Amino acid sequence: MPYMFVSTQIRLENGPTNVGDEFSDPVVMNYLGARKTTMLGNNFSEYHVDDPPRLVLDKLEKIGFRVVSMTGVGQTLVWCLHKELCGALQSLYTFEDETLASQEH
């Protein structure tokens, strides 16, 4: 999955950090040491780490993710990251995009 969000509460900039949802890449979540939790009342799960966002962003950069944008939403800081696809997976996405484009014309 080439995109991911990282977020934290402004008063918790030393952690914990939210690093994904229930559909996040389990390999990346394992690399970050994230634990999957479901908050009482929510019908979805999230991945969290105890590390502050800066350490999480450093770890993600080491495996090819780049920060695309960052914003504050209420009391939450959110970073959007992207990782370039490579190899066969890149070819698959390119093929699908070209197929959809040709069907539109």
N, C-alpha and C. Protein backbone atom coordinates (compact mmCIF):
# COMPACT_ATOMS: atom_id res chain seq x y z
N MET A 1 0.84 -1.17 0.00
CA MET A 1 0.00 0.00 0.00
C MET A 1 0.89 1.24 0.00
N PRO A 2 0.75 2.06 -0.99
CA PRO A 2 1.69 3.16 -1.12
C PRO A 2 1.42 4.38 -0.23
N TYR A 3 0.23 4.52 0.34
CA TYR A 3 -0.06 5.68 1.20
C TYR A 3 -0.31 5.22 2.63
N MET A 4 0.02 6.11 3.57
CA MET A 4 -0.26 5.82 4.97
C MET A 4 -0.37 7.12 5.75
N PHE A 5 -1.17 7.10 6.81
CA PHE A 5 -1.32 8.24 7.71
C PHE A 5 -0.66 7.92 9.05
N VAL A 6 -0.04 8.93 9.63
CA VAL A 6 0.51 8.86 10.98
C VAL A 6 -0.10 10.03 11.73
N SER A 7 -0.57 9.79 12.95
CA SER A 7 -1.18 10.89 13.69
C SER A 7 -0.92 10.76 15.18
N THR A 8 -1.07 11.88 15.88
CA THR A 8 -0.96 11.92 17.33
C THR A 8 -1.74 13.11 17.85
N GLN A 9 -2.10 13.07 19.11
CA GLN A 9 -2.75 14.20 19.75
C GLN A 9 -1.69 15.24 20.09
N ILE A 10 -2.03 16.52 20.00
CA ILE A 10 -1.06 17.59 20.23
C ILE A 10 -0.43 17.48 21.61
N ARG A 11 -1.18 17.14 22.62
CA ARG A 11 -0.61 17.05 23.97
C ARG A 11 0.15 15.74 24.19
N LEU A 12 0.14 14.86 23.20
CA LEU A 12 0.81 13.57 23.33
C LEU A 12 1.92 13.42 22.29
N GLU A 13 2.59 14.53 21.97
CA GLU A 13 3.60 14.46 20.91
C GLU A 13 4.77 13.56 21.26
N ASN A 14 4.84 13.08 22.50
CA ASN A 14 5.87 12.10 22.88
C ASN A 14 5.35 10.68 22.77
N GLY A 15 4.17 10.49 22.22
CA GLY A 15 3.57 9.18 22.04
C GLY A 15 2.36 9.02 22.93
N PRO A 16 1.49 8.08 22.67
CA PRO A 16 1.57 7.12 21.58
C PRO A 16 1.23 7.75 20.23
N THR A 17 1.57 7.03 19.18
CA THR A 17 1.35 7.49 17.82
C THR A 17 0.47 6.48 17.08
N ASN A 18 -0.56 6.98 16.41
CA ASN A 18 -1.42 6.14 15.59
C ASN A 18 -0.73 5.95 14.25
N VAL A 19 -0.54 4.69 13.83
CA VAL A 19 0.20 4.44 12.60
C VAL A 19 -0.59 3.68 11.53
N GLY A 20 -1.84 3.37 11.79
CA GLY A 20 -2.59 2.68 10.75
C GLY A 20 -3.97 2.23 11.20
N ASP A 21 -4.73 1.74 10.23
CA ASP A 21 -6.05 1.20 10.52
C ASP A 21 -6.04 -0.32 10.29
N GLU A 22 -7.19 -0.94 10.41
CA GLU A 22 -7.26 -2.39 10.31
C GLU A 22 -6.87 -2.94 8.94
N PHE A 23 -6.79 -2.08 7.93
CA PHE A 23 -6.42 -2.51 6.58
C PHE A 23 -4.97 -2.21 6.24
N SER A 24 -4.19 -1.73 7.20
CA SER A 24 -2.79 -1.37 6.97
C SER A 24 -1.95 -2.62 6.70
N ASP A 25 -0.84 -2.40 6.00
CA ASP A 25 0.08 -3.48 5.65
C ASP A 25 0.64 -4.10 6.93
N PRO A 26 0.37 -5.38 7.19
CA PRO A 26 0.85 -6.01 8.43
C PRO A 26 2.37 -6.09 8.53
N VAL A 27 3.05 -6.13 7.40
CA VAL A 27 4.52 -6.17 7.41
C VAL A 27 5.06 -4.84 7.94
N VAL A 28 4.51 -3.73 7.48
CA VAL A 28 4.94 -2.41 7.95
C VAL A 28 4.58 -2.24 9.42
N MET A 29 3.38 -2.69 9.81
CA MET A 29 2.96 -2.56 11.21
C MET A 29 3.90 -3.37 12.12
N ASN A 30 4.30 -4.55 11.68
CA ASN A 30 5.24 -5.37 12.45
C ASN A 30 6.59 -4.68 12.56
N TYR A 31 7.06 -4.10 11.46
CA TYR A 31 8.34 -3.38 11.45
C TYR A 31 8.32 -2.23 12.46
N LEU A 32 7.19 -1.54 12.58
CA LEU A 32 7.07 -0.42 13.51
C LEU A 32 6.85 -0.88 14.95
N GLY A 33 6.54 -2.16 15.13
CA GLY A 33 6.25 -2.67 16.47
C GLY A 33 4.87 -2.24 16.95
N ALA A 34 3.95 -2.06 16.01
CA ALA A 34 2.61 -1.55 16.33
C ALA A 34 1.72 -2.65 16.90
N ARG A 35 0.81 -2.24 17.76
CA ARG A 35 -0.18 -3.16 18.30
C ARG A 35 -1.57 -2.71 17.82
N LYS A 36 -2.39 -3.69 17.47
CA LYS A 36 -3.73 -3.42 16.95
C LYS A 36 -4.70 -3.35 18.12
N THR A 37 -5.46 -2.26 18.20
CA THR A 37 -6.42 -2.09 19.29
C THR A 37 -7.77 -1.62 18.74
N THR A 38 -8.80 -1.91 19.48
CA THR A 38 -10.14 -1.42 19.17
C THR A 38 -10.65 -0.70 20.41
N MET A 39 -10.90 0.59 20.27
CA MET A 39 -11.38 1.40 21.39
C MET A 39 -12.85 1.07 21.66
N LEU A 40 -13.23 1.07 22.90
CA LEU A 40 -14.60 0.80 23.30
C LEU A 40 -15.56 1.74 22.57
N GLY A 41 -16.55 1.17 21.91
CA GLY A 41 -17.54 1.97 21.18
C GLY A 41 -17.23 2.11 19.70
N ASN A 42 -15.99 1.82 19.28
CA ASN A 42 -15.63 1.89 17.86
C ASN A 42 -15.88 0.55 17.19
N ASN A 43 -16.26 0.58 15.92
CA ASN A 43 -16.43 -0.67 15.18
C ASN A 43 -15.28 -0.87 14.19
N PHE A 44 -14.12 -0.31 14.50
CA PHE A 44 -12.92 -0.45 13.68
C PHE A 44 -11.70 -0.52 14.59
N SER A 45 -10.62 -1.04 14.04
CA SER A 45 -9.37 -1.18 14.80
C SER A 45 -8.33 -0.19 14.29
N GLU A 46 -7.37 0.13 15.14
CA GLU A 46 -6.25 1.01 14.78
C GLU A 46 -4.95 0.40 15.30
N TYR A 47 -3.85 0.76 14.64
CA TYR A 47 -2.53 0.35 15.09
C TYR A 47 -1.86 1.52 15.79
N HIS A 48 -1.24 1.25 16.96
CA HIS A 48 -0.56 2.28 17.74
C HIS A 48 0.84 1.80 18.13
N VAL A 49 1.74 2.75 18.27
CA VAL A 49 3.07 2.49 18.84
C VAL A 49 3.29 3.49 19.98
N ASP A 50 4.19 3.16 20.90
CA ASP A 50 4.49 4.07 22.00
C ASP A 50 5.49 5.15 21.61
N ASP A 51 6.14 4.98 20.46
CA ASP A 51 7.14 5.95 20.00
C ASP A 51 6.51 7.29 19.64
N PRO A 52 7.28 8.38 19.80
CA PRO A 52 6.79 9.68 19.32
C PRO A 52 6.79 9.71 17.79
N PRO A 53 6.00 10.60 17.20
CA PRO A 53 5.89 10.66 15.73
C PRO A 53 7.23 10.82 15.02
N ARG A 54 8.16 11.58 15.57
CA ARG A 54 9.44 11.79 14.90
C ARG A 54 10.17 10.47 14.70
N LEU A 55 10.17 9.60 15.70
CA LEU A 55 10.83 8.30 15.55
C LEU A 55 10.10 7.42 14.53
N VAL A 56 8.77 7.48 14.54
CA VAL A 56 7.99 6.72 13.56
C VAL A 56 8.31 7.19 12.15
N LEU A 57 8.34 8.51 11.94
CA LEU A 57 8.64 9.05 10.62
C LEU A 57 10.06 8.68 10.19
N ASP A 58 11.01 8.69 11.12
CA ASP A 58 12.38 8.27 10.80
C ASP A 58 12.42 6.81 10.35
N LYS A 59 11.70 5.93 11.06
CA LYS A 59 11.66 4.51 10.70
C LYS A 59 11.04 4.31 9.32
N LEU A 60 9.96 5.04 9.05
CA LEU A 60 9.28 4.89 7.76
C LEU A 60 10.13 5.42 6.62
N GLU A 61 10.91 6.45 6.87
CA GLU A 61 11.81 6.95 5.82
C GLU A 61 12.84 5.89 5.45
N LYS A 62 13.31 5.13 6.42
CA LYS A 62 14.31 4.09 6.17
C LYS A 62 13.79 2.99 5.24
N ILE A 63 12.47 2.82 5.17
CA ILE A 63 11.93 1.80 4.28
C ILE A 63 11.24 2.41 3.06
N GLY A 64 11.55 3.68 2.78
CA GLY A 64 11.13 4.28 1.52
C GLY A 64 9.93 5.20 1.54
N PHE A 65 9.34 5.44 2.70
CA PHE A 65 8.21 6.38 2.75
C PHE A 65 8.70 7.81 2.82
N ARG A 66 7.95 8.72 2.20
CA ARG A 66 8.24 10.16 2.23
C ARG A 66 7.01 10.91 2.68
N VAL A 67 7.20 11.96 3.47
CA VAL A 67 6.08 12.79 3.91
C VAL A 67 5.59 13.60 2.71
N VAL A 68 4.30 13.50 2.43
CA VAL A 68 3.68 14.25 1.34
C VAL A 68 3.06 15.53 1.88
N SER A 69 2.41 15.43 3.04
CA SER A 69 1.80 16.61 3.65
C SER A 69 1.64 16.39 5.15
N MET A 70 1.41 17.49 5.84
CA MET A 70 1.19 17.45 7.29
C MET A 70 0.20 18.54 7.62
N THR A 71 -0.68 18.27 8.57
CA THR A 71 -1.66 19.27 8.97
C THR A 71 -2.08 19.06 10.42
N GLY A 72 -2.72 20.05 10.96
CA GLY A 72 -3.34 19.93 12.27
C GLY A 72 -4.84 19.94 12.09
N VAL A 73 -5.53 18.99 12.72
CA VAL A 73 -6.98 18.90 12.64
C VAL A 73 -7.49 18.89 14.07
N GLY A 74 -8.04 20.02 14.52
CA GLY A 74 -8.45 20.11 15.92
C GLY A 74 -7.23 19.96 16.81
N GLN A 75 -7.24 18.97 17.69
CA GLN A 75 -6.12 18.70 18.59
C GLN A 75 -5.23 17.57 18.08
N THR A 76 -5.33 17.24 16.78
CA THR A 76 -4.60 16.12 16.21
C THR A 76 -3.63 16.59 15.14
N LEU A 77 -2.42 16.03 15.15
CA LEU A 77 -1.44 16.26 14.09
C LEU A 77 -1.47 15.04 13.17
N VAL A 78 -1.51 15.27 11.85
CA VAL A 78 -1.61 14.19 10.89
C VAL A 78 -0.56 14.37 9.79
N TRP A 79 0.18 13.29 9.50
CA TRP A 79 1.15 13.27 8.41
C TRP A 79 0.64 12.27 7.38
N CYS A 80 0.70 12.63 6.10
CA CYS A 80 0.39 11.71 5.01
C CYS A 80 1.72 11.33 4.36
N LEU A 81 1.97 10.03 4.23
CA LEU A 81 3.21 9.54 3.65
C LEU A 81 2.92 8.72 2.41
N HIS A 82 3.89 8.66 1.51
CA HIS A 82 3.77 7.89 0.28
C HIS A 82 5.05 7.11 0.05
N LYS A 83 4.89 5.89 -0.48
CA LYS A 83 6.04 5.07 -0.84
C LYS A 83 5.89 4.70 -2.31
N GLU A 84 6.93 4.95 -3.09
CA GLU A 84 6.91 4.59 -4.51
C GLU A 84 6.79 3.09 -4.67
N LEU A 85 5.95 2.66 -5.59
CA LEU A 85 5.84 1.24 -5.90
C LEU A 85 7.00 0.84 -6.80
N CYS A 86 7.42 -0.41 -6.71
CA CYS A 86 8.54 -0.84 -7.55
C CYS A 86 8.28 -2.23 -8.10
N GLY A 87 9.02 -2.60 -9.12
CA GLY A 87 8.99 -3.95 -9.67
C GLY A 87 7.65 -4.35 -10.26
N ALA A 88 7.29 -5.61 -10.02
CA ALA A 88 6.07 -6.18 -10.59
C ALA A 88 4.82 -5.45 -10.10
N LEU A 89 4.82 -5.04 -8.85
CA LEU A 89 3.66 -4.34 -8.32
C LEU A 89 3.44 -3.03 -9.06
N GLN A 90 4.52 -2.29 -9.34
CA GLN A 90 4.41 -1.05 -10.10
C GLN A 90 3.84 -1.34 -11.49
N SER A 91 4.31 -2.41 -12.13
CA SER A 91 3.82 -2.77 -13.45
C SER A 91 2.33 -3.08 -13.42
N LEU A 92 1.89 -3.78 -12.37
CA LEU A 92 0.48 -4.12 -12.24
C LEU A 92 -0.38 -2.86 -12.14
N TYR A 93 0.02 -1.92 -11.30
CA TYR A 93 -0.73 -0.68 -11.16
C TYR A 93 -0.72 0.11 -12.47
N THR A 94 0.40 0.16 -13.15
CA THR A 94 0.50 0.86 -14.43
C THR A 94 -0.43 0.22 -15.45
N PHE A 95 -0.44 -1.11 -15.52
CA PHE A 95 -1.30 -1.83 -16.45
C PHE A 95 -2.76 -1.52 -16.17
N GLU A 96 -3.17 -1.55 -14.90
CA GLU A 96 -4.56 -1.26 -14.55
C GLU A 96 -4.93 0.16 -14.92
N ASP A 97 -4.04 1.12 -14.68
CA ASP A 97 -4.31 2.52 -15.02
C ASP A 97 -4.48 2.69 -16.52
N GLU A 98 -3.60 2.07 -17.31
CA GLU A 98 -3.67 2.17 -18.77
C GLU A 98 -4.94 1.52 -19.29
N THR A 99 -5.33 0.38 -18.70
CA THR A 99 -6.55 -0.31 -19.11
C THR A 99 -7.77 0.55 -18.84
N LEU A 100 -7.83 1.15 -17.67
CA LEU A 100 -8.97 2.01 -17.34
C LEU A 100 -9.00 3.24 -18.25
N ALA A 101 -7.86 3.81 -18.54
CA ALA A 101 -7.81 4.98 -19.42
C ALA A 101 -8.29 4.66 -20.82
N SER A 102 -7.90 3.48 -21.35
CA SER A 102 -8.31 3.11 -22.69
C SER A 102 -9.80 2.81 -22.76
N GLN A 103 -10.38 2.33 -21.67
CA GLN A 103 -11.82 2.05 -21.63
C GLN A 103 -12.65 3.33 -21.60
N GLU A 104 -12.07 4.41 -21.10
CA GLU A 104 -12.79 5.68 -21.02
C GLU A 104 -12.91 6.35 -22.39
N HIS A 105 -12.05 6.00 -23.32
CA HIS A 105 -12.07 6.66 -24.64
C HIS A 105 -12.77 5.85 -25.67
